[in-house]
Amino acid sequence: MHDQEMYEAGLAMRRRVLGDAYVDPQLDAAKDDPVWGAIQDMATELAWGHIWTRPGLDPKIRSILNLGMLTALGKMPELRTHIRGAIRNGVTKEEIIEVLLQATIYCGFPAGIDAFRQARDVMKEEGL
């Protein structure tokens, strides 16, 4: 069952963190594709609505956590997205480097090297 209030709260947070330029194409693609639509709805309502809007951690801390977790999982396309979100949430270039160094030690050098490649590219694109 869909919780419209959580979906709307999640959509607002998702737009705040990732920006309309990222969110709009995702949602547009979901309109004509029930498979993509299902995961977009779930992510917006559950991840962004139920979790990201909770008061226990601010968005900057949530972004920092995501960078470490996505590095550990080796999910580089999602890591790129969340590096951009982290920057929007006030995570500095230096903090991103420190998070990825920490993740490298605990997750291994192959994961860390991949994460640093993504960070380098995103930072260049973002002018950092």
C-alpha atoms as a PDB file:
ATOM      1  CA  MET A   1       0.000   0.000   0.000  1.00  0.00           C
ATOM      2  CA  HIS A   2       1.266   3.431  -0.978  1.00  0.00           C
ATOM      3  CA  ASP A   3       1.619   6.144   1.681  1.00  0.00           C
ATOM      4  CA  GLN A   4       1.081   9.376  -0.259  1.00  0.00           C
ATOM      5  CA  GLU A   5       2.282  11.599   2.587  1.00  0.00           C
ATOM      6  CA  MET A   6       5.582   9.722   2.863  1.00  0.00           C
ATOM      7  CA  TYR A   7       5.936   9.711  -0.925  1.00  0.00           C
ATOM      8  CA  GLU A   8       5.514  13.515  -1.076  1.00  0.00           C
ATOM      9  CA  ALA A   9       7.944  14.059   1.813  1.00  0.00           C
ATOM     10  CA  GLY A  10      10.392  11.693   0.140  1.00  0.00           C
ATOM     11  CA  LEU A  11      10.067  13.412  -3.208  1.00  0.00           C
ATOM     12  CA  ALA A  12      10.797  16.782  -1.624  1.00  0.00           C
ATOM     13  CA  MET A  13      13.884  15.398   0.147  1.00  0.00           C
ATOM     14  CA  ARG A  14      15.044  13.555  -2.961  1.00  0.00           C
ATOM     15  CA  ARG A  15      14.801  16.766  -4.991  1.00  0.00           C
ATOM     16  CA  ARG A  16      16.633  18.697  -2.266  1.00  0.00           C
ATOM     17  CA  VAL A  17      19.515  16.232  -2.121  1.00  0.00           C
ATOM     18  CA  LEU A  18      19.830  15.085  -5.741  1.00  0.00           C
ATOM     19  CA  GLY A  19      18.325  18.015  -7.616  1.00  0.00           C
ATOM     20  CA  ASP A  20      15.580  18.241 -10.205  1.00  0.00           C
ATOM     21  CA  ALA A  21      18.024  17.571 -13.049  1.00  0.00           C
ATOM     22  CA  TYR A  22      18.563  14.058 -11.672  1.00  0.00           C
ATOM     23  CA  VAL A  23      15.101  13.319 -10.270  1.00  0.00           C
ATOM     24  CA  ASP A  24      12.939  14.487 -13.174  1.00  0.00           C
ATOM     25  CA  PRO A  25      14.381  12.078 -15.790  1.00  0.00           C
ATOM     26  CA  GLN A  26      14.047   9.194 -13.334  1.00  0.00           C
ATOM     27  CA  LEU A  27      10.387   9.964 -12.723  1.00  0.00           C
ATOM     28  CA  ASP A  28       9.684  10.682 -16.386  1.00  0.00           C
ATOM     29  CA  ALA A  29      11.106   7.280 -17.336  1.00  0.00           C
ATOM     30  CA  ALA A  30       8.926   5.666 -14.670  1.00  0.00           C
ATOM     31  CA  LYS A  31       5.689   7.027 -16.166  1.00  0.00           C
ATOM     32  CA  ASP A  32       5.796   4.675 -19.162  1.00  0.00           C
ATOM     33  CA  ASP A  33       7.598   1.762 -17.544  1.00  0.00           C
ATOM     34  CA  PRO A  34       5.816  -0.086 -14.724  1.00  0.00           C
ATOM     35  CA  VAL A  35       8.997  -1.969 -13.810  1.00  0.00           C
ATOM     36  CA  TRP A  36      11.055   1.218 -13.414  1.00  0.00           C
ATOM     37  CA  GLY A  37       8.052   2.936 -11.862  1.00  0.00           C
ATOM     38  CA  ALA A  38       7.800   0.326  -9.116  1.00  0.00           C
ATOM     39  CA  ILE A  39      11.370   0.841  -7.899  1.00  0.00           C
ATOM     40  CA  GLN A  40      11.165   4.617  -8.253  1.00  0.00           C
ATOM     41  CA  ASP A  41       8.023   4.699  -6.113  1.00  0.00           C
ATOM     42  CA  MET A  42       9.599   2.417  -3.522  1.00  0.00           C
ATOM     43  CA  ALA A  43      12.833   4.402  -3.342  1.00  0.00           C
ATOM     44  CA  THR A  44      10.990   7.718  -3.087  1.00  0.00           C
ATOM     45  CA  GLU A  45       8.569   6.597  -0.398  1.00  0.00           C
ATOM     46  CA  LEU A  46      10.766   4.306   1.694  1.00  0.00           C
ATOM     47  CA  ALA A  47      14.342   5.534   1.358  1.00  0.00           C
ATOM     48  CA  TRP A  48      13.669   9.218   0.858  1.00  0.00           C
ATOM     49  CA  GLY A  49      10.367   9.496   2.746  1.00  0.00           C
ATOM     50  CA  HIS A  50      10.677   7.136   5.693  1.00  0.00           C
ATOM     51  CA  ILE A  51      14.457   7.305   6.219  1.00  0.00           C
ATOM     52  CA  TRP A  52      15.938  10.551   4.860  1.00  0.00           C
ATOM     53  CA  THR A  53      13.246  12.685   6.529  1.00  0.00           C
ATOM     54  CA  ARG A  54      13.802  11.205  10.002  1.00  0.00           C
ATOM     55  CA  PRO A  55      15.121  13.756  12.511  1.00  0.00           C
ATOM     56  CA  GLY A  56      17.827  11.527  14.051  1.00  0.00           C
ATOM     57  CA  LEU A  57      20.556  12.367  11.516  1.00  0.00           C
ATOM     58  CA  ASP A  58      20.929  15.411   9.327  1.00  0.00           C
ATOM     59  CA  PRO A  59      21.232  14.985   5.545  1.00  0.00           C
ATOM     60  CA  LYS A  60      24.991  15.663   5.593  1.00  0.00           C
ATOM     61  CA  ILE A  61      25.600  12.721   7.942  1.00  0.00           C
ATOM     62  CA  ARG A  62      23.262  10.509   5.889  1.00  0.00           C
ATOM     63  CA  SER A  63      25.246  11.423   2.778  1.00  0.00           C
ATOM     64  CA  ILE A  64      28.526  10.546   4.476  1.00  0.00           C
ATOM     65  CA  LEU A  65      27.095   7.167   5.509  1.00  0.00           C
ATOM     66  CA  ASN A  66      25.898   6.488   1.959  1.00  0.00           C
ATOM     67  CA  LEU A  67      29.351   7.174   0.527  1.00  0.00           C
ATOM     68  CA  GLY A  68      30.871   4.556   2.804  1.00  0.00           C
ATOM     69  CA  MET A  69      28.123   1.991   2.258  1.00  0.00           C
ATOM     70  CA  LEU A  70      28.027   2.375  -1.519  1.00  0.00           C
ATOM     71  CA  THR A  71      31.811   2.046  -1.650  1.00  0.00           C
ATOM     72  CA  ALA A  72      31.586  -1.143   0.428  1.00  0.00           C
ATOM     73  CA  LEU A  73      28.911  -2.530  -1.894  1.00  0.00           C
ATOM     74  CA  GLY A  74      30.849  -1.548  -5.008  1.00  0.00           C
ATOM     75  CA  LYS A  75      27.829   0.298  -6.431  1.00  0.00           C
ATOM     76  CA  MET A  76      29.725   2.916  -8.415  1.00  0.00           C
ATOM     77  CA  PRO A  77      26.853   4.444 -10.461  1.00  0.00           C
ATOM     78  CA  GLU A  78      24.887   5.018  -7.250  1.00  0.00           C
ATOM     79  CA  LEU A  79      28.048   6.302  -5.566  1.00  0.00           C
ATOM     80  CA  ARG A  80      28.392   8.969  -8.292  1.00  0.00           C
ATOM     81  CA  THR A  81      24.818  10.073  -7.661  1.00  0.00           C
ATOM     82  CA  HIS A  82      25.369  10.236  -3.908  1.00  0.00           C
ATOM     83  CA  ILE A  83      28.683  12.085  -4.220  1.00  0.00           C
ATOM     84  CA  ARG A  84      26.725  14.807  -6.005  1.00  0.00           C
ATOM     85  CA  GLY A  85      24.087  14.653  -3.277  1.00  0.00           C
ATOM     86  CA  ALA A  86      26.752  14.827  -0.584  1.00  0.00           C
ATOM     87  CA  ILE A  87      28.171  17.969  -2.151  1.00  0.00           C
ATOM     88  CA  ARG A  88      24.662  19.485  -2.198  1.00  0.00           C
ATOM     89  CA  ASN A  89      24.354  18.519   1.492  1.00  0.00           C
ATOM     90  CA  GLY A  90      27.511  20.419   2.419  1.00  0.00           C
ATOM     91  CA  VAL A  91      30.040  17.572   2.480  1.00  0.00           C
ATOM     92  CA  THR A  92      33.348  19.156   1.505  1.00  0.00           C
ATOM     93  CA  LYS A  93      35.893  17.787  -0.931  1.00  0.00           C
ATOM     94  CA  GLU A  94      38.208  17.104   1.992  1.00  0.00           C
ATOM     95  CA  GLU A  95      35.485  15.241   3.893  1.00  0.00           C
ATOM     96  CA  ILE A  96      34.682  13.107   0.832  1.00  0.00           C
ATOM     97  CA  ILE A  97      38.357  12.197   0.535  1.00  0.00           C
ATOM     98  CA  GLU A  98      38.479  11.237   4.237  1.00  0.00           C
ATOM     99  CA  VAL A  99      35.311   9.127   3.968  1.00  0.00           C
ATOM    100  CA  LEU A 100      36.708   7.286   0.967  1.00  0.00           C
ATOM    101  CA  LEU A 101      40.086   6.745   2.645  1.00  0.00           C
ATOM    102  CA  GLN A 102      38.284   5.263   5.656  1.00  0.00           C
ATOM    103  CA  ALA A 103      36.179   3.058   3.369  1.00  0.00           C
ATOM    104  CA  THR A 104      39.281   1.948   1.465  1.00  0.00           C
ATOM    105  CA  ILE A 105      40.932   0.624   4.609  1.00  0.00           C
ATOM    106  CA  TYR A 106      37.842  -1.318   5.695  1.00  0.00           C
ATOM    107  CA  CYS A 107      36.488  -2.354   2.279  1.00  0.00           C
ATOM    108  CA  GLY A 108      39.731  -2.986   0.446  1.00  0.00           C
ATOM    109  CA  PHE A 109      41.784  -1.172  -2.132  1.00  0.00           C
ATOM    110  CA  PRO A 110      39.864  -2.297  -5.239  1.00  0.00           C
ATOM    111  CA  ALA A 111      36.631  -0.813  -3.857  1.00  0.00           C
ATOM    112  CA  GLY A 112      38.435   2.298  -2.664  1.00  0.00           C
ATOM    113  CA  ILE A 113      40.231   2.870  -5.946  1.00  0.00           C
ATOM    114  CA  ASP A 114      36.942   2.577  -7.832  1.00  0.00           C
ATOM    115  CA  ALA A 115      35.324   5.016  -5.394  1.00  0.00           C
ATOM    116  CA  PHE A 116      38.158   7.522  -5.770  1.00  0.00           C
ATOM    117  CA  ARG A 117      37.829   7.333  -9.569  1.00  0.00           C
ATOM    118  CA  GLN A 118      34.157   8.210  -9.271  1.00  0.00           C
ATOM    119  CA  ALA A 119      34.837  10.994  -6.793  1.00  0.00           C
ATOM    120  CA  ARG A 120      37.580  12.473  -8.971  1.00  0.00           C
ATOM    121  CA  ASP A 121      35.277  12.547 -11.999  1.00  0.00           C
ATOM    122  CA  VAL A 122      32.291  13.991 -10.128  1.00  0.00           C
ATOM    123  CA  MET A 123      34.431  16.632  -8.425  1.00  0.00           C
ATOM    124  CA  LYS A 124      35.807  17.724 -11.795  1.00  0.00           C
ATOM    125  CA  GLU A 125      32.281  17.890 -13.211  1.00  0.00           C
ATOM    126  CA  GLU A 126      31.166  19.922 -10.180  1.00  0.00           C
ATOM    127  CA  GLY A 127      34.151  22.273 -10.391  1.00  0.00           C
ATOM    128  CA  LEU A 128      35.785  21.199  -7.123  1.00  0.00           C
END
